[in-house]
Amino acid sequence: GHPPTLPTALYHRWNDTCSAGGSRLVLGADITYEPASFPGLCRLLHYLLVDSKSTAILYCTERNADTMSKLRDAIAGAHMTLASEHAYVGQHGGVGCYVGVGTDSTEVVRVLYVTCKETRRDDDDDDDER
């Protein structure tokens, strides 16, 4: 048979514009510590998720509860949905990843699953025709 198709990783800056959709999975880690960057981050996530049924998985160390609240608000304000959120205390983050040497055993790591509320107009039109 044919060899498996390997995933492609793309590098984007938060305020970049890019063609909408087409991403099957968006992963982000250690990118949610500065609330001033949330508008650009959420804009990029929206671009990547709007024309797809994919999910963004954000791996976040909770340094401040207020920052996490601002992130949730920014996600909602960018027409996206926080589909689920899981909190883990300690070094493993519950996903088999070692957070780091010297990590405080009470540190909270949150894994956020973000999807886009909007669907493509083409999909809506197709549903009307059926």
Foldseek 3Di string as FASTA:
>chain_A
DDDDDDDDDDDDDLQDADAAEPDQEAEEEPPQPDLVSLLSNLLVVCRHFAAHFHKYKYKYWPPDPVSVVSNCVSNVVSQKDQPDKDKDFAQCRPPRDGNDPPDDRGTIIMITIMHHNHYDPVVVVVVVVD
